[in-house]
Amino acid sequence: MDMVENEAATADLELIVHGPAGSSKPETKLWLRMLSTTKLITTEIRRRLRSEFGATLPQFDLMAQLYREKDGLRLGELSKRTMVTNGNVTGLVERLEADGLLRRVTPDRDRRVTVAQLTPAGAKLFAAMAAAHEGWLRDLMADVDRSVVGGLWSDIGKVKASARNHLSGSEFE
């Protein structure tokens, strides 16, 4: 883990931004808590993916989308679903293809359309990664009662719905 990742893993944005007194408004405190929790968990998931599978989180996300779509996905659709630029998707696809984990095909011999599909080896690796990922999340949240997890899922859904209702642009609508 490099120094930046180590800082992200240990830094608590709530304390850095507002100090221990927490003088900010409740909405700001909630947003900082969600952000710092997301960063903490994401940094650990990235570390475990790299150490146990030699994979990156973007590779995992791309493979997850392809695992759900047995017929594959167009690269543009992969870009939308993973929120990664077209150029970065192309790089991810090229790397995974070189590793034998996916293949690119041109349906109906239309060279304007490229579809990425997991290979059997890619599907097998992703299934192992997904099972590990699920276990890591269970481990990271082991000290939280299941009823609390369910309540938070519902409550944060309300926060998400409110944010969606008040978006100024149409990017996520």
N, C-alpha and C. Protein backbone atom coordinates (compact mmCIF):
# COMPACT_ATOMS: atom_id res chain seq x y z
N MET A 1 0.86 -1.17 0.00
CA MET A 1 0.00 0.00 0.00
C MET A 1 0.90 1.23 0.00
N ASP A 2 0.66 2.15 -0.96
CA ASP A 2 1.49 3.35 -0.98
C ASP A 2 1.00 4.36 0.06
N MET A 3 1.77 5.44 0.21
CA MET A 3 1.50 6.40 1.27
C MET A 3 0.12 7.05 1.11
N VAL A 4 -0.27 7.38 -0.11
CA VAL A 4 -1.57 8.01 -0.33
C VAL A 4 -2.70 7.07 0.07
N GLU A 5 -2.62 5.80 -0.34
CA GLU A 5 -3.65 4.84 0.03
C GLU A 5 -3.68 4.64 1.54
N ASN A 6 -2.51 4.59 2.18
CA ASN A 6 -2.46 4.42 3.61
C ASN A 6 -3.14 5.59 4.32
N GLU A 7 -2.88 6.81 3.84
CA GLU A 7 -3.54 7.98 4.44
C GLU A 7 -5.04 7.89 4.25
N ALA A 8 -5.49 7.51 3.06
CA ALA A 8 -6.92 7.41 2.80
C ALA A 8 -7.57 6.36 3.68
N ALA A 9 -6.83 5.29 3.95
CA ALA A 9 -7.38 4.20 4.76
C ALA A 9 -7.52 4.61 6.21
N THR A 10 -6.64 5.47 6.69
CA THR A 10 -6.66 5.80 8.11
C THR A 10 -7.27 7.16 8.41
N ALA A 11 -7.34 8.03 7.43
CA ALA A 11 -7.86 9.37 7.67
C ALA A 11 -9.37 9.31 7.91
N ASP A 12 -9.80 10.08 8.88
CA ASP A 12 -11.22 10.19 9.16
C ASP A 12 -11.64 11.60 8.75
N LEU A 13 -12.31 11.69 7.63
CA LEU A 13 -12.68 13.00 7.09
C LEU A 13 -13.49 13.82 8.06
N GLU A 14 -14.26 13.18 8.91
CA GLU A 14 -15.06 13.92 9.88
C GLU A 14 -14.17 14.75 10.79
N LEU A 15 -13.05 14.16 11.22
CA LEU A 15 -12.14 14.87 12.13
C LEU A 15 -11.28 15.87 11.38
N ILE A 16 -10.83 15.50 10.20
CA ILE A 16 -9.95 16.37 9.43
C ILE A 16 -10.67 17.66 9.05
N VAL A 17 -11.90 17.54 8.58
CA VAL A 17 -12.61 18.70 8.08
C VAL A 17 -13.17 19.56 9.21
N HIS A 18 -13.71 18.94 10.24
CA HIS A 18 -14.40 19.72 11.27
C HIS A 18 -13.86 19.56 12.67
N GLY A 19 -12.88 18.72 12.87
CA GLY A 19 -12.31 18.53 14.20
C GLY A 19 -13.24 17.72 15.09
N PRO A 20 -12.77 17.35 16.26
CA PRO A 20 -13.54 16.46 17.15
C PRO A 20 -14.82 17.10 17.67
N ALA A 21 -14.91 18.42 17.68
CA ALA A 21 -16.13 19.07 18.20
C ALA A 21 -17.31 18.87 17.26
N GLY A 22 -17.04 18.63 15.98
CA GLY A 22 -18.12 18.38 15.03
C GLY A 22 -19.09 19.54 14.94
N SER A 23 -18.57 20.72 14.66
CA SER A 23 -19.38 21.93 14.67
C SER A 23 -20.25 22.10 13.44
N SER A 24 -20.19 21.19 12.48
CA SER A 24 -20.93 21.36 11.25
C SER A 24 -22.40 20.99 11.41
N LYS A 25 -23.14 21.28 10.40
CA LYS A 25 -24.57 20.96 10.36
C LYS A 25 -24.76 19.46 10.18
N PRO A 26 -25.91 18.92 10.59
CA PRO A 26 -26.13 17.46 10.52
C PRO A 26 -25.97 16.88 9.12
N GLU A 27 -26.43 17.61 8.10
CA GLU A 27 -26.32 17.10 6.73
C GLU A 27 -24.86 16.96 6.31
N THR A 28 -24.04 17.93 6.70
CA THR A 28 -22.62 17.88 6.37
C THR A 28 -21.95 16.74 7.13
N LYS A 29 -22.29 16.58 8.40
CA LYS A 29 -21.71 15.50 9.19
C LYS A 29 -22.07 14.13 8.61
N LEU A 30 -23.33 13.97 8.19
CA LEU A 30 -23.76 12.70 7.59
C LEU A 30 -23.00 12.44 6.30
N TRP A 31 -22.91 13.46 5.45
CA TRP A 31 -22.21 13.30 4.18
C TRP A 31 -20.76 12.92 4.42
N LEU A 32 -20.08 13.57 5.36
CA LEU A 32 -18.69 13.25 5.65
C LEU A 32 -18.55 11.85 6.22
N ARG A 33 -19.49 11.43 7.05
CA ARG A 33 -19.43 10.07 7.61
C ARG A 33 -19.61 9.04 6.49
N MET A 34 -20.57 9.25 5.58
CA MET A 34 -20.77 8.30 4.48
C MET A 34 -19.53 8.28 3.58
N LEU A 35 -18.98 9.45 3.28
CA LEU A 35 -17.81 9.54 2.42
C LEU A 35 -16.60 8.86 3.05
N SER A 36 -16.34 9.14 4.32
CA SER A 36 -15.17 8.55 4.96
C SER A 36 -15.32 7.04 5.12
N THR A 37 -16.54 6.57 5.36
CA THR A 37 -16.78 5.12 5.46
C THR A 37 -16.56 4.45 4.11
N THR A 38 -17.06 5.08 3.06
CA THR A 38 -16.88 4.55 1.71
C THR A 38 -15.40 4.49 1.35
N LYS A 39 -14.67 5.55 1.65
CA LYS A 39 -13.24 5.56 1.34
C LYS A 39 -12.50 4.48 2.13
N LEU A 40 -12.84 4.33 3.38
CA LEU A 40 -12.19 3.33 4.23
C LEU A 40 -12.39 1.92 3.67
N ILE A 41 -13.64 1.59 3.36
CA ILE A 41 -13.96 0.25 2.86
C ILE A 41 -13.38 0.04 1.46
N THR A 42 -13.50 1.04 0.60
CA THR A 42 -13.00 0.93 -0.76
C THR A 42 -11.49 0.71 -0.78
N THR A 43 -10.78 1.43 0.06
CA THR A 43 -9.32 1.26 0.12
C THR A 43 -8.96 -0.15 0.54
N GLU A 44 -9.68 -0.71 1.50
CA GLU A 44 -9.40 -2.08 1.95
C GLU A 44 -9.76 -3.10 0.87
N ILE A 45 -10.89 -2.89 0.20
CA ILE A 45 -11.29 -3.81 -0.89
C ILE A 45 -10.24 -3.78 -2.00
N ARG A 46 -9.78 -2.58 -2.36
CA ARG A 46 -8.73 -2.46 -3.39
C ARG A 46 -7.47 -3.24 -2.96
N ARG A 47 -7.07 -3.09 -1.71
CA ARG A 47 -5.87 -3.76 -1.21
C ARG A 47 -6.04 -5.28 -1.29
N ARG A 48 -7.19 -5.77 -0.87
CA ARG A 48 -7.42 -7.22 -0.87
C ARG A 48 -7.52 -7.77 -2.29
N LEU A 49 -8.18 -7.05 -3.19
CA LEU A 49 -8.25 -7.51 -4.58
C LEU A 49 -6.84 -7.62 -5.17
N ARG A 50 -6.02 -6.62 -4.91
CA ARG A 50 -4.67 -6.61 -5.45
C ARG A 50 -3.84 -7.74 -4.85
N SER A 51 -3.91 -7.90 -3.52
CA SER A 51 -3.04 -8.90 -2.89
C SER A 51 -3.50 -10.33 -3.13
N GLU A 52 -4.81 -10.56 -3.18
CA GLU A 52 -5.30 -11.94 -3.32
C GLU A 52 -5.54 -12.37 -4.77
N PHE A 53 -5.83 -11.40 -5.65
CA PHE A 53 -6.15 -11.77 -7.03
C PHE A 53 -5.32 -11.03 -8.08
N GLY A 54 -4.47 -10.09 -7.65
CA GLY A 54 -3.70 -9.32 -8.61
C GLY A 54 -4.59 -8.48 -9.50
N ALA A 55 -5.75 -8.07 -8.98
CA ALA A 55 -6.73 -7.34 -9.77
C ALA A 55 -6.97 -5.96 -9.16
N THR A 56 -7.49 -5.07 -10.01
CA THR A 56 -7.86 -3.74 -9.55
C THR A 56 -9.37 -3.69 -9.36
N LEU A 57 -9.83 -2.69 -8.63
CA LEU A 57 -11.27 -2.52 -8.44
C LEU A 57 -11.98 -2.23 -9.76
N PRO A 58 -11.42 -1.40 -10.66
CA PRO A 58 -12.08 -1.23 -11.96
C PRO A 58 -12.18 -2.53 -12.76
N GLN A 59 -11.16 -3.39 -12.68
CA GLN A 59 -11.24 -4.68 -13.36
C GLN A 59 -12.37 -5.53 -12.75
N PHE A 60 -12.44 -5.54 -11.43
CA PHE A 60 -13.50 -6.28 -10.74
C PHE A 60 -14.87 -5.76 -11.17
N ASP A 61 -15.04 -4.45 -11.19
CA ASP A 61 -16.33 -3.86 -11.57
C ASP A 61 -16.71 -4.20 -13.01
N LEU A 62 -15.74 -4.12 -13.91
CA LEU A 62 -16.00 -4.46 -15.31
C LEU A 62 -16.38 -5.93 -15.45
N MET A 63 -15.64 -6.79 -14.77
CA MET A 63 -15.94 -8.23 -14.84
C MET A 63 -17.31 -8.53 -14.23
N ALA A 64 -17.70 -7.78 -13.19
CA ALA A 64 -19.02 -7.98 -12.57
C ALA A 64 -20.13 -7.70 -13.58
N GLN A 65 -19.96 -6.65 -14.36
CA GLN A 65 -20.98 -6.33 -15.37
C GLN A 65 -21.06 -7.41 -16.43
N LEU A 66 -19.91 -7.91 -16.86
CA LEU A 66 -19.90 -8.96 -17.88
C LEU A 66 -20.41 -10.28 -17.33
N TYR A 67 -20.17 -10.55 -16.07
CA TYR A 67 -20.65 -11.79 -15.45
C TYR A 67 -22.18 -11.84 -15.45
N ARG A 68 -22.80 -10.68 -15.29
CA ARG A 68 -24.27 -10.58 -15.28
C ARG A 68 -24.87 -10.71 -16.68
N GLU A 69 -24.07 -10.41 -17.69
CA GLU A 69 -24.56 -10.40 -19.08
C GLU A 69 -23.80 -11.44 -19.88
N LYS A 70 -24.33 -12.64 -19.93
CA LYS A 70 -23.62 -13.76 -20.55
C LYS A 70 -23.31 -13.52 -22.03
N ASP A 71 -24.16 -12.72 -22.71
CA ASP A 71 -23.91 -12.42 -24.12
C ASP A 71 -22.92 -11.28 -24.30
N GLY A 72 -22.48 -10.70 -23.20
CA GLY A 72 -21.52 -9.62 -23.26
C GLY A 72 -22.18 -8.25 -23.35
N LEU A 73 -21.35 -7.24 -23.38
CA LEU A 73 -21.82 -5.86 -23.45
C LEU A 73 -20.95 -5.08 -24.42
N ARG A 74 -21.57 -4.10 -25.08
CA ARG A 74 -20.80 -3.18 -25.90
C ARG A 74 -19.90 -2.36 -24.98
N LEU A 75 -18.78 -1.92 -25.52
CA LEU A 75 -17.83 -1.18 -24.70
C LEU A 75 -18.44 0.12 -24.18
N GLY A 76 -19.26 0.78 -24.98
CA GLY A 76 -19.92 2.00 -24.53
C GLY A 76 -20.85 1.74 -23.35
N GLU A 77 -21.55 0.63 -23.39
CA GLU A 77 -22.44 0.26 -22.28
C GLU A 77 -21.62 -0.07 -21.03
N LEU A 78 -20.49 -0.73 -21.21
CA LEU A 78 -19.59 -1.00 -20.08
C LEU A 78 -19.13 0.30 -19.45
N SER A 79 -18.83 1.27 -20.28
CA SER A 79 -18.38 2.57 -19.78
C SER A 79 -19.47 3.22 -18.93
N LYS A 80 -20.71 3.19 -19.40
CA LYS A 80 -21.82 3.76 -18.63
C LYS A 80 -22.03 3.04 -17.31
N ARG A 81 -22.04 1.72 -17.36
CA ARG A 81 -22.34 0.93 -16.17
C ARG A 81 -21.25 0.99 -15.11
N THR A 82 -20.02 1.17 -15.54
CA THR A 82 -18.92 1.22 -14.58
C THR A 82 -18.50 2.64 -14.25
N MET A 83 -19.10 3.61 -14.91
CA MET A 83 -18.76 5.03 -14.73
C MET A 83 -17.27 5.27 -14.96
N VAL A 84 -16.74 4.61 -15.98
CA VAL A 84 -15.35 4.73 -16.40
C VAL A 84 -15.36 5.26 -17.83
N THR A 85 -14.43 6.14 -18.17
CA THR A 85 -14.40 6.70 -19.51
C THR A 85 -14.21 5.61 -20.56
N ASN A 86 -14.64 5.91 -21.78
CA ASN A 86 -14.47 4.95 -22.88
C ASN A 86 -13.01 4.54 -23.05
N GLY A 87 -12.11 5.51 -22.96
CA GLY A 87 -10.68 5.20 -23.11
C GLY A 87 -10.18 4.26 -22.03
N ASN A 88 -10.61 4.48 -20.79
CA ASN A 88 -10.19 3.60 -19.70
C ASN A 88 -10.81 2.22 -19.83
N VAL A 89 -12.06 2.16 -20.31
CA VAL A 89 -12.69 0.84 -20.53
C VAL A 89 -11.89 0.07 -21.57
N THR A 90 -11.49 0.74 -22.63
CA THR A 90 -10.70 0.08 -23.66
C THR A 90 -9.41 -0.49 -23.06
N GLY A 91 -8.73 0.28 -22.23
CA GLY A 91 -7.51 -0.20 -21.59
C GLY A 91 -7.76 -1.39 -20.67
N LEU A 92 -8.86 -1.32 -19.91
CA LEU A 92 -9.21 -2.45 -19.03
C LEU A 92 -9.51 -3.69 -19.84
N VAL A 93 -10.27 -3.51 -20.92
CA VAL A 93 -10.64 -4.64 -21.78
C VAL A 93 -9.39 -5.25 -22.40
N GLU A 94 -8.49 -4.41 -22.89
CA GLU A 94 -7.26 -4.92 -23.50
C GLU A 94 -6.44 -5.73 -22.50
N ARG A 95 -6.33 -5.24 -21.27
CA ARG A 95 -5.56 -5.95 -20.25
C ARG A 95 -6.20 -7.30 -19.91
N LEU A 96 -7.53 -7.29 -19.69
CA LEU A 96 -8.23 -8.52 -19.35
C LEU A 96 -8.21 -9.52 -20.51
N GLU A 97 -8.25 -8.99 -21.72
CA GLU A 97 -8.16 -9.86 -22.90
C GLU A 97 -6.76 -10.49 -22.99
N ALA A 98 -5.74 -9.70 -22.75
CA ALA A 98 -4.36 -10.21 -22.78
C ALA A 98 -4.16 -11.29 -21.71
N ASP A 99 -4.88 -11.17 -20.61
CA ASP A 99 -4.80 -12.17 -19.53
C ASP A 99 -5.70 -13.37 -19.78
N GLY A 100 -6.44 -13.37 -20.90
CA GLY A 100 -7.31 -14.49 -21.24
C GLY A 100 -8.61 -14.53 -20.45
N LEU A 101 -9.00 -13.39 -19.85
CA LEU A 101 -10.19 -13.37 -19.01
C LEU A 101 -11.43 -12.87 -19.74
N LEU A 102 -11.23 -12.20 -20.87
CA LEU A 102 -12.37 -11.82 -21.70
C LEU A 102 -11.95 -11.83 -23.15
N ARG A 103 -12.95 -11.77 -24.00
CA ARG A 103 -12.70 -11.71 -25.44
C ARG A 103 -13.60 -10.64 -26.03
N ARG A 104 -13.12 -10.07 -27.13
CA ARG A 104 -13.93 -9.10 -27.87
C ARG A 104 -14.45 -9.77 -29.12
N VAL A 105 -15.73 -9.55 -29.37
CA VAL A 105 -16.35 -10.13 -30.56
C VAL A 105 -17.08 -9.02 -31.31
N THR A 106 -17.29 -9.26 -32.60
CA THR A 106 -18.06 -8.33 -33.42
C THR A 106 -19.30 -9.07 -33.91
N PRO A 107 -20.45 -8.80 -33.26
CA PRO A 107 -21.67 -9.50 -33.65
C PRO A 107 -22.06 -9.18 -35.08
N ASP A 108 -22.57 -10.17 -35.75
CA ASP A 108 -23.02 -10.02 -37.14
C ASP A 108 -21.95 -9.41 -38.04
N ARG A 109 -20.70 -9.62 -37.67
CA ARG A 109 -19.56 -9.13 -38.45
C ARG A 109 -19.59 -7.62 -38.69
N ASP A 110 -20.24 -6.90 -37.80
CA ASP A 110 -20.29 -5.44 -37.89
C ASP A 110 -19.10 -4.89 -37.12
N ARG A 111 -18.06 -4.46 -37.85
CA ARG A 111 -16.82 -4.05 -37.20
C ARG A 111 -16.98 -2.74 -36.43
N ARG A 112 -18.11 -2.07 -36.59
CA ARG A 112 -18.35 -0.83 -35.83
C ARG A 112 -18.77 -1.14 -34.40
N VAL A 113 -19.19 -2.39 -34.15
CA VAL A 113 -19.68 -2.78 -32.83
C VAL A 113 -18.72 -3.79 -32.22
N THR A 114 -18.28 -3.49 -31.01
CA THR A 114 -17.42 -4.42 -30.28
C THR A 114 -18.11 -4.79 -28.98
N VAL A 115 -18.22 -6.09 -28.74
CA VAL A 115 -18.84 -6.60 -27.52
C VAL A 115 -17.77 -7.37 -26.74
N ALA A 116 -17.73 -7.10 -25.45
CA ALA A 116 -16.80 -7.83 -24.58
C ALA A 116 -17.57 -8.92 -23.85
N GLN A 117 -16.96 -10.09 -23.75
CA GLN A 117 -17.55 -11.23 -23.04
C GLN A 117 -16.49 -11.86 -22.16
N LEU A 118 -16.89 -12.33 -20.99
CA LEU A 118 -15.95 -13.09 -20.17
C LEU A 118 -15.69 -14.43 -20.82
N THR A 119 -14.47 -14.88 -20.72
CA THR A 119 -14.14 -16.24 -21.13
C THR A 119 -14.51 -17.16 -19.97
N PRO A 120 -14.53 -18.47 -20.19
CA PRO A 120 -14.77 -19.37 -19.05
C PRO A 120 -13.77 -19.14 -17.91
N ALA A 121 -12.51 -18.87 -18.24
CA ALA A 121 -11.52 -18.59 -17.20
C ALA A 121 -11.86 -17.30 -16.46
N GLY A 122 -12.34 -16.29 -17.21
CA GLY A 122 -12.73 -15.03 -16.59
C GLY A 122 -13.93 -15.19 -15.68
N ALA A 123 -14.91 -15.97 -16.11
CA ALA A 123 -16.10 -16.22 -15.29
C ALA A 123 -15.73 -16.97 -14.02
N LYS A 124 -14.82 -17.93 -14.15
CA LYS A 124 -14.40 -18.70 -12.97
C LYS A 124 -13.65 -17.80 -11.98
N LEU A 125 -12.74 -16.97 -12.50
CA LEU A 125 -12.00 -16.06 -11.63
C LEU A 125 -12.95 -15.06 -10.98
N PHE A 126 -13.87 -14.50 -11.77
CA PHE A 126 -14.78 -13.52 -11.17
C PHE A 126 -15.65 -14.15 -10.08
N ALA A 127 -16.11 -15.37 -10.28
CA ALA A 127 -16.92 -16.03 -9.26
C ALA A 127 -16.13 -16.14 -7.95
N ALA A 128 -14.85 -16.47 -8.05
CA ALA A 128 -14.00 -16.56 -6.85
C ALA A 128 -13.81 -15.17 -6.23
N MET A 129 -13.59 -14.16 -7.06
CA MET A 129 -13.42 -12.80 -6.57
C MET A 129 -14.70 -12.30 -5.89
N ALA A 130 -15.85 -12.59 -6.49
CA ALA A 130 -17.12 -12.13 -5.92
C ALA A 130 -17.39 -12.78 -4.57
N ALA A 131 -17.08 -14.06 -4.46
CA ALA A 131 -17.27 -14.75 -3.18
C ALA A 131 -16.35 -14.15 -2.12
N ALA A 132 -15.11 -13.87 -2.50
CA ALA A 132 -14.18 -13.26 -1.56
C ALA A 132 -14.66 -11.85 -1.18
N HIS A 133 -15.10 -11.10 -2.15
CA HIS A 133 -15.59 -9.73 -1.93
C HIS A 133 -16.74 -9.73 -0.92
N GLU A 134 -17.66 -10.65 -1.10
CA GLU A 134 -18.79 -10.77 -0.18
C GLU A 134 -18.29 -11.08 1.24
N GLY A 135 -17.33 -11.97 1.34
CA GLY A 135 -16.76 -12.31 2.64
C GLY A 135 -16.02 -11.14 3.27
N TRP A 136 -15.30 -10.37 2.45
CA TRP A 136 -14.59 -9.20 2.98
C TRP A 136 -15.56 -8.18 3.56
N LEU A 137 -16.65 -7.94 2.84
CA LEU A 137 -17.65 -6.98 3.34
C LEU A 137 -18.28 -7.49 4.64
N ARG A 138 -18.56 -8.78 4.68
CA ARG A 138 -19.10 -9.37 5.91
C ARG A 138 -18.10 -9.19 7.06
N ASP A 139 -16.83 -9.41 6.78
CA ASP A 139 -15.78 -9.24 7.77
C ASP A 139 -15.68 -7.78 8.23
N LEU A 140 -15.67 -6.85 7.29
CA LEU A 140 -15.53 -5.44 7.62
C LEU A 140 -16.72 -4.91 8.43
N MET A 141 -17.86 -5.55 8.27
CA MET A 141 -19.05 -5.12 9.00
C MET A 141 -19.46 -6.09 10.10
N ALA A 142 -18.54 -6.94 10.51
CA ALA A 142 -18.84 -7.99 11.49
C ALA A 142 -19.31 -7.45 12.84
N ASP A 143 -18.90 -6.26 13.19
CA ASP A 143 -19.26 -5.70 14.49
C ASP A 143 -20.59 -4.93 14.46
N VAL A 144 -21.26 -4.96 13.32
CA VAL A 144 -22.53 -4.24 13.16
C VAL A 144 -23.66 -5.27 13.13
N ASP A 145 -24.62 -5.09 13.99
CA ASP A 145 -25.77 -6.00 14.03
C ASP A 145 -26.50 -5.99 12.69
N ARG A 146 -26.96 -7.15 12.26
CA ARG A 146 -27.63 -7.27 10.95
C ARG A 146 -28.84 -6.36 10.84
N SER A 147 -29.56 -6.15 11.96
CA SER A 147 -30.73 -5.26 11.90
C SER A 147 -30.29 -3.82 11.66
N VAL A 148 -29.12 -3.45 12.16
CA VAL A 148 -28.59 -2.11 11.92
C VAL A 148 -28.22 -1.97 10.44
N VAL A 149 -27.60 -3.01 9.87
CA VAL A 149 -27.24 -2.98 8.45
C VAL A 149 -28.51 -2.79 7.62
N GLY A 150 -29.56 -3.54 7.93
CA GLY A 150 -30.82 -3.40 7.20
C GLY A 150 -31.43 -2.01 7.35
N GLY A 151 -31.39 -1.48 8.55
CA GLY A 151 -31.92 -0.15 8.78
C GLY A 151 -31.14 0.92 8.04
N LEU A 152 -29.81 0.80 8.06
CA LEU A 152 -28.97 1.76 7.34
C LEU A 152 -29.22 1.69 5.84
N TRP A 153 -29.37 0.48 5.33
CA TRP A 153 -29.64 0.31 3.89
C TRP A 153 -30.91 1.08 3.52
N SER A 154 -31.94 0.92 4.32
CA SER A 154 -33.20 1.61 4.07
C SER A 154 -33.06 3.13 4.24
N ASP A 155 -32.42 3.54 5.33
CA ASP A 155 -32.29 4.97 5.62
C ASP A 155 -31.41 5.68 4.59
N ILE A 156 -30.32 5.07 4.20
CA ILE A 156 -29.46 5.70 3.20
C ILE A 156 -30.16 5.72 1.85
N GLY A 157 -31.04 4.77 1.62
CA GLY A 157 -31.88 4.81 0.42
C GLY A 157 -32.74 6.07 0.39
N LYS A 158 -33.21 6.49 1.54
CA LYS A 158 -34.00 7.73 1.63
C LYS A 158 -33.12 8.95 1.34
N VAL A 159 -31.89 8.93 1.84
CA VAL A 159 -30.96 10.02 1.55
C VAL A 159 -30.68 10.06 0.05
N LYS A 160 -30.46 8.90 -0.55
CA LYS A 160 -30.19 8.82 -1.99
C LYS A 160 -31.38 9.35 -2.78
N ALA A 161 -32.59 8.96 -2.39
CA ALA A 161 -33.79 9.42 -3.10
C ALA A 161 -33.94 10.94 -2.99
N SER A 162 -33.68 11.48 -1.81
CA SER A 162 -33.76 12.93 -1.63
C SER A 162 -32.73 13.63 -2.52
N ALA A 163 -31.51 13.13 -2.52
CA ALA A 163 -30.47 13.74 -3.36
C ALA A 163 -30.88 13.68 -4.83
N ARG A 164 -31.41 12.54 -5.26
CA ARG A 164 -31.84 12.40 -6.66
C ARG A 164 -32.95 13.39 -7.00
N ASN A 165 -33.85 13.63 -6.04
CA ASN A 165 -34.96 14.57 -6.26
C ASN A 165 -34.49 16.01 -6.41
N HIS A 166 -33.28 16.29 -5.96
CA HIS A 166 -32.82 17.68 -5.95
C HIS A 166 -31.58 17.90 -6.82
N LEU A 167 -31.34 16.99 -7.76
CA LEU A 167 -30.20 17.15 -8.67
C LEU A 167 -30.42 18.33 -9.59
N SER A 168 -29.36 19.04 -9.88
CA SER A 168 -29.48 20.19 -10.79
C SER A 168 -29.29 19.78 -12.24
N GLY A 169 -28.68 18.63 -12.48
CA GLY A 169 -28.45 18.17 -13.85
C GLY A 169 -29.17 16.86 -14.09
N SER A 170 -29.06 16.36 -15.30
CA SER A 170 -29.76 15.12 -15.65
C SER A 170 -28.81 13.94 -15.77
N GLU A 171 -27.56 14.09 -15.32
CA GLU A 171 -26.56 13.04 -15.49
C GLU A 171 -26.98 11.72 -14.88
N PHE A 172 -27.66 11.74 -13.72
CA PHE A 172 -28.00 10.50 -13.03
C PHE A 172 -29.50 10.22 -13.08
N GLU A 173 -30.23 10.96 -13.84
CA GLU A 173 -31.68 10.74 -13.88
C GLU A 173 -32.04 9.65 -14.85
